[in-house]
Amino acid sequence: QVQLVASGGGLVQAGGSLRLSCAASGPTFSSYTVGWFRQTPGKEREFVAGISWSRNIYYADFVKGRFTTSRESAKNTVWLKMNSLKPEDTAVYYCAARADVVVPRSSGRYGYWGQGTQVTVSS
């Protein structure tokens, strides 16, 4: 019943900002935990940030102080604001959802996935 659409990626220079959105359909989405992951060729898909229905938020160490995630339950939308972007942030970014009260860091714990959106940071 849950469909996710990730958008907002693009090309930005180092030090710039982007805001990604994860728009979801489904009447129970507001109770889901949403995680953000990213993947580049040759690397495992890695956890970036996550937010639960109660807005408990967790960040990977490599984005702390630069990225923030938030949600608007009335609009079934989760946001990932990315500031101070670095070339190493270049990746395909995915949002995923799970019916849970915690924020898992493993991609296998999430059952619903968006298509991903490309973020490219130039030097």
C-alpha atoms as a PDB file:
ATOM      1  CA  GLN A   1       0.000   0.000   0.000  1.00  0.00           C
ATOM      2  CA  VAL A   2       3.029   2.299   0.264  1.00  0.00           C
ATOM      3  CA  GLN A   3       4.612   3.901  -2.789  1.00  0.00           C
ATOM      4  CA  LEU A   4       7.575   6.248  -2.501  1.00  0.00           C
ATOM      5  CA  VAL A   5       8.861   8.822  -4.963  1.00  0.00           C
ATOM      6  CA  ALA A   6      12.215  10.444  -4.282  1.00  0.00           C
ATOM      7  CA  SER A   7      13.045  13.687  -6.033  1.00  0.00           C
ATOM      8  CA  GLY A   8      15.120  16.835  -5.713  1.00  0.00           C
ATOM      9  CA  GLY A   9      18.505  15.585  -6.818  1.00  0.00           C
ATOM     10  CA  GLY A  10      20.671  17.395  -9.290  1.00  0.00           C
ATOM     11  CA  LEU A  11      24.048  18.933  -9.940  1.00  0.00           C
ATOM     12  CA  VAL A  12      25.507  21.308  -7.381  1.00  0.00           C
ATOM     13  CA  GLN A  13      28.937  22.737  -6.666  1.00  0.00           C
ATOM     14  CA  ALA A  14      30.849  21.815  -3.543  1.00  0.00           C
ATOM     15  CA  GLY A  15      29.587  23.789  -0.578  1.00  0.00           C
ATOM     16  CA  GLY A  16      26.119  24.102  -2.036  1.00  0.00           C
ATOM     17  CA  SER A  17      22.808  22.714  -0.861  1.00  0.00           C
ATOM     18  CA  LEU A  18      20.023  20.500  -2.099  1.00  0.00           C
ATOM     19  CA  ARG A  19      16.731  19.421  -0.597  1.00  0.00           C
ATOM     20  CA  LEU A  20      15.453  15.962  -1.372  1.00  0.00           C
ATOM     21  CA  SER A  21      11.859  14.962  -0.895  1.00  0.00           C
ATOM     22  CA  CYS A  22      10.230  11.597  -0.400  1.00  0.00           C
ATOM     23  CA  ALA A  23       6.559  11.697  -1.287  1.00  0.00           C
ATOM     24  CA  ALA A  24       4.498   8.727  -0.218  1.00  0.00           C
ATOM     25  CA  SER A  25       1.057   7.381  -0.860  1.00  0.00           C
ATOM     26  CA  GLY A  26      -0.803   5.293   1.659  1.00  0.00           C
ATOM     27  CA  PRO A  27      -3.012   6.166   4.605  1.00  0.00           C
ATOM     28  CA  THR A  28      -0.651   4.759   7.244  1.00  0.00           C
ATOM     29  CA  PHE A  29       2.580   6.321   5.996  1.00  0.00           C
ATOM     30  CA  SER A  30       2.650   8.839   8.821  1.00  0.00           C
ATOM     31  CA  SER A  31       3.273   5.987  11.261  1.00  0.00           C
ATOM     32  CA  TYR A  32       6.220   4.586   9.286  1.00  0.00           C
ATOM     33  CA  THR A  33       9.892   5.047   9.908  1.00  0.00           C
ATOM     34  CA  VAL A  34      11.626   6.538   6.872  1.00  0.00           C
ATOM     35  CA  GLY A  35      15.295   6.013   6.156  1.00  0.00           C
ATOM     36  CA  TRP A  36      17.593   7.679   3.664  1.00  0.00           C
ATOM     37  CA  PHE A  37      20.323   5.642   1.982  1.00  0.00           C
ATOM     38  CA  ARG A  38      22.861   6.330  -0.712  1.00  0.00           C
ATOM     39  CA  GLN A  39      24.857   4.189  -3.085  1.00  0.00           C
ATOM     40  CA  THR A  40      27.758   4.678  -5.482  1.00  0.00           C
ATOM     41  CA  PRO A  41      29.330   2.148  -7.848  1.00  0.00           C
ATOM     42  CA  GLY A  42      31.553  -0.261  -5.995  1.00  0.00           C
ATOM     43  CA  LYS A  43      30.159   0.598  -2.582  1.00  0.00           C
ATOM     44  CA  GLU A  44      27.496  -0.921  -0.393  1.00  0.00           C
ATOM     45  CA  ARG A  45      24.297   0.966   0.098  1.00  0.00           C
ATOM     46  CA  GLU A  46      24.852   3.021   3.235  1.00  0.00           C
ATOM     47  CA  PHE A  47      22.591   4.604   5.795  1.00  0.00           C
ATOM     48  CA  VAL A  48      22.416   8.391   5.721  1.00  0.00           C
ATOM     49  CA  ALA A  49      19.603   9.434   8.055  1.00  0.00           C
ATOM     50  CA  GLY A  50      16.297   8.244   9.410  1.00  0.00           C
ATOM     51  CA  ILE A  51      13.215   9.585  11.131  1.00  0.00           C
ATOM     52  CA  SER A  52      10.465   7.758  12.997  1.00  0.00           C
ATOM     53  CA  TRP A  53       6.800   8.654  13.340  1.00  0.00           C
ATOM     54  CA  SER A  54       7.589  10.359  16.649  1.00  0.00           C
ATOM     55  CA  ARG A  55      10.420  12.297  14.951  1.00  0.00           C
ATOM     56  CA  ASN A  56      13.270  10.476  16.587  1.00  0.00           C
ATOM     57  CA  ILE A  57      16.102  11.237  14.197  1.00  0.00           C
ATOM     58  CA  TYR A  58      19.408   9.486  13.562  1.00  0.00           C
ATOM     59  CA  TYR A  59      22.261  10.485  11.293  1.00  0.00           C
ATOM     60  CA  ALA A  60      25.301   8.746   9.963  1.00  0.00           C
ATOM     61  CA  ASP A  61      28.514  10.227  11.329  1.00  0.00           C
ATOM     62  CA  PHE A  62      29.630  11.470   7.937  1.00  0.00           C
ATOM     63  CA  VAL A  63      26.607  13.778   7.561  1.00  0.00           C
ATOM     64  CA  LYS A  64      26.156  15.061  11.114  1.00  0.00           C
ATOM     65  CA  GLY A  65      26.061  18.830  11.174  1.00  0.00           C
ATOM     66  CA  ARG A  66      25.430  19.036   7.432  1.00  0.00           C
ATOM     67  CA  PHE A  67      22.214  17.122   6.694  1.00  0.00           C
ATOM     68  CA  THR A  68      18.826  17.356   8.383  1.00  0.00           C
ATOM     69  CA  THR A  69      15.728  15.270   7.875  1.00  0.00           C
ATOM     70  CA  SER A  70      12.173  16.203   8.753  1.00  0.00           C
ATOM     71  CA  ARG A  71       8.663  15.126   7.908  1.00  0.00           C
ATOM     72  CA  GLU A  72       5.246  16.577   7.245  1.00  0.00           C
ATOM     73  CA  SER A  73       2.792  13.863   8.170  1.00  0.00           C
ATOM     74  CA  ALA A  74      -0.233  15.739   6.870  1.00  0.00           C
ATOM     75  CA  LYS A  75       1.347  15.770   3.401  1.00  0.00           C
ATOM     76  CA  ASN A  76       3.010  12.345   3.610  1.00  0.00           C
ATOM     77  CA  THR A  77       6.348  13.923   2.792  1.00  0.00           C
ATOM     78  CA  VAL A  78       9.800  13.457   4.285  1.00  0.00           C
ATOM     79  CA  TRP A  79      12.616  15.884   3.538  1.00  0.00           C
ATOM     80  CA  LEU A  80      16.373  15.592   3.527  1.00  0.00           C
ATOM     81  CA  LYS A  81      18.104  18.964   3.524  1.00  0.00           C
ATOM     82  CA  MET A  82      21.731  18.654   2.527  1.00  0.00           C
ATOM     83  CA  ASN A  83      24.084  21.541   3.243  1.00  0.00           C
ATOM     84  CA  SER A  84      27.815  21.953   2.736  1.00  0.00           C
ATOM     85  CA  LEU A  85      27.836  19.263   0.099  1.00  0.00           C
ATOM     86  CA  LYS A  86      31.108  17.578  -0.773  1.00  0.00           C
ATOM     87  CA  PRO A  87      32.130  15.704  -3.920  1.00  0.00           C
ATOM     88  CA  GLU A  88      32.163  12.491  -1.893  1.00  0.00           C
ATOM     89  CA  ASP A  89      28.433  12.973  -1.284  1.00  0.00           C
ATOM     90  CA  THR A  90      27.840  12.157  -4.946  1.00  0.00           C
ATOM     91  CA  ALA A  91      25.541   9.147  -5.065  1.00  0.00           C
ATOM     92  CA  VAL A  92      22.073   7.931  -5.826  1.00  0.00           C
ATOM     93  CA  TYR A  93      19.936   8.726  -2.813  1.00  0.00           C
ATOM     94  CA  TYR A  94      17.005   6.530  -1.853  1.00  0.00           C
ATOM     95  CA  CYS A  95      14.225   6.835   0.653  1.00  0.00           C
ATOM     96  CA  ALA A  96      12.775   3.741   2.243  1.00  0.00           C
ATOM     97  CA  ALA A  97       9.946   3.032   4.644  1.00  0.00           C
ATOM     98  CA  ARG A  98       9.250   0.517   7.347  1.00  0.00           C
ATOM     99  CA  ALA A  99       6.366   0.039   9.764  1.00  0.00           C
ATOM    100  CA  ASP A 100       8.310   0.383  12.986  1.00  0.00           C
ATOM    101  CA  VAL A 101       8.941   2.627  15.966  1.00  0.00           C
ATOM    102  CA  VAL A 102      12.725   2.492  15.650  1.00  0.00           C
ATOM    103  CA  VAL A 103      15.127   3.637  12.946  1.00  0.00           C
ATOM    104  CA  PRO A 104      17.065   0.667  11.543  1.00  0.00           C
ATOM    105  CA  ARG A 105      20.400   1.341   9.875  1.00  0.00           C
ATOM    106  CA  SER A 106      20.350  -1.745   7.662  1.00  0.00           C
ATOM    107  CA  SER A 107      18.731  -1.473   4.263  1.00  0.00           C
ATOM    108  CA  GLY A 108      17.341  -4.980   4.578  1.00  0.00           C
ATOM    109  CA  ARG A 109      15.062  -3.853   7.364  1.00  0.00           C
ATOM    110  CA  TYR A 110      13.065  -1.625   5.007  1.00  0.00           C
ATOM    111  CA  GLY A 111      10.362  -3.111   2.839  1.00  0.00           C
ATOM    112  CA  TYR A 112       9.396  -0.143   0.674  1.00  0.00           C
ATOM    113  CA  TRP A 113      11.777   1.801  -1.562  1.00  0.00           C
ATOM    114  CA  GLY A 114      11.645   4.768  -3.848  1.00  0.00           C
ATOM    115  CA  GLN A 115      13.384   4.816  -7.223  1.00  0.00           C
ATOM    116  CA  GLY A 116      16.292   6.965  -6.094  1.00  0.00           C
ATOM    117  CA  THR A 117      17.451  10.395  -7.186  1.00  0.00           C
ATOM    118  CA  GLN A 118      20.919  11.293  -8.427  1.00  0.00           C
ATOM    119  CA  VAL A 119      22.969  13.825  -6.485  1.00  0.00           C
ATOM    120  CA  THR A 120      26.162  15.019  -8.136  1.00  0.00           C
ATOM    121  CA  VAL A 121      28.528  17.404  -6.371  1.00  0.00           C
ATOM    122  CA  SER A 122      31.211  18.981  -8.497  1.00  0.00           C
ATOM    123  CA  SER A 123      34.505  20.343  -7.250  1.00  0.00           C
END
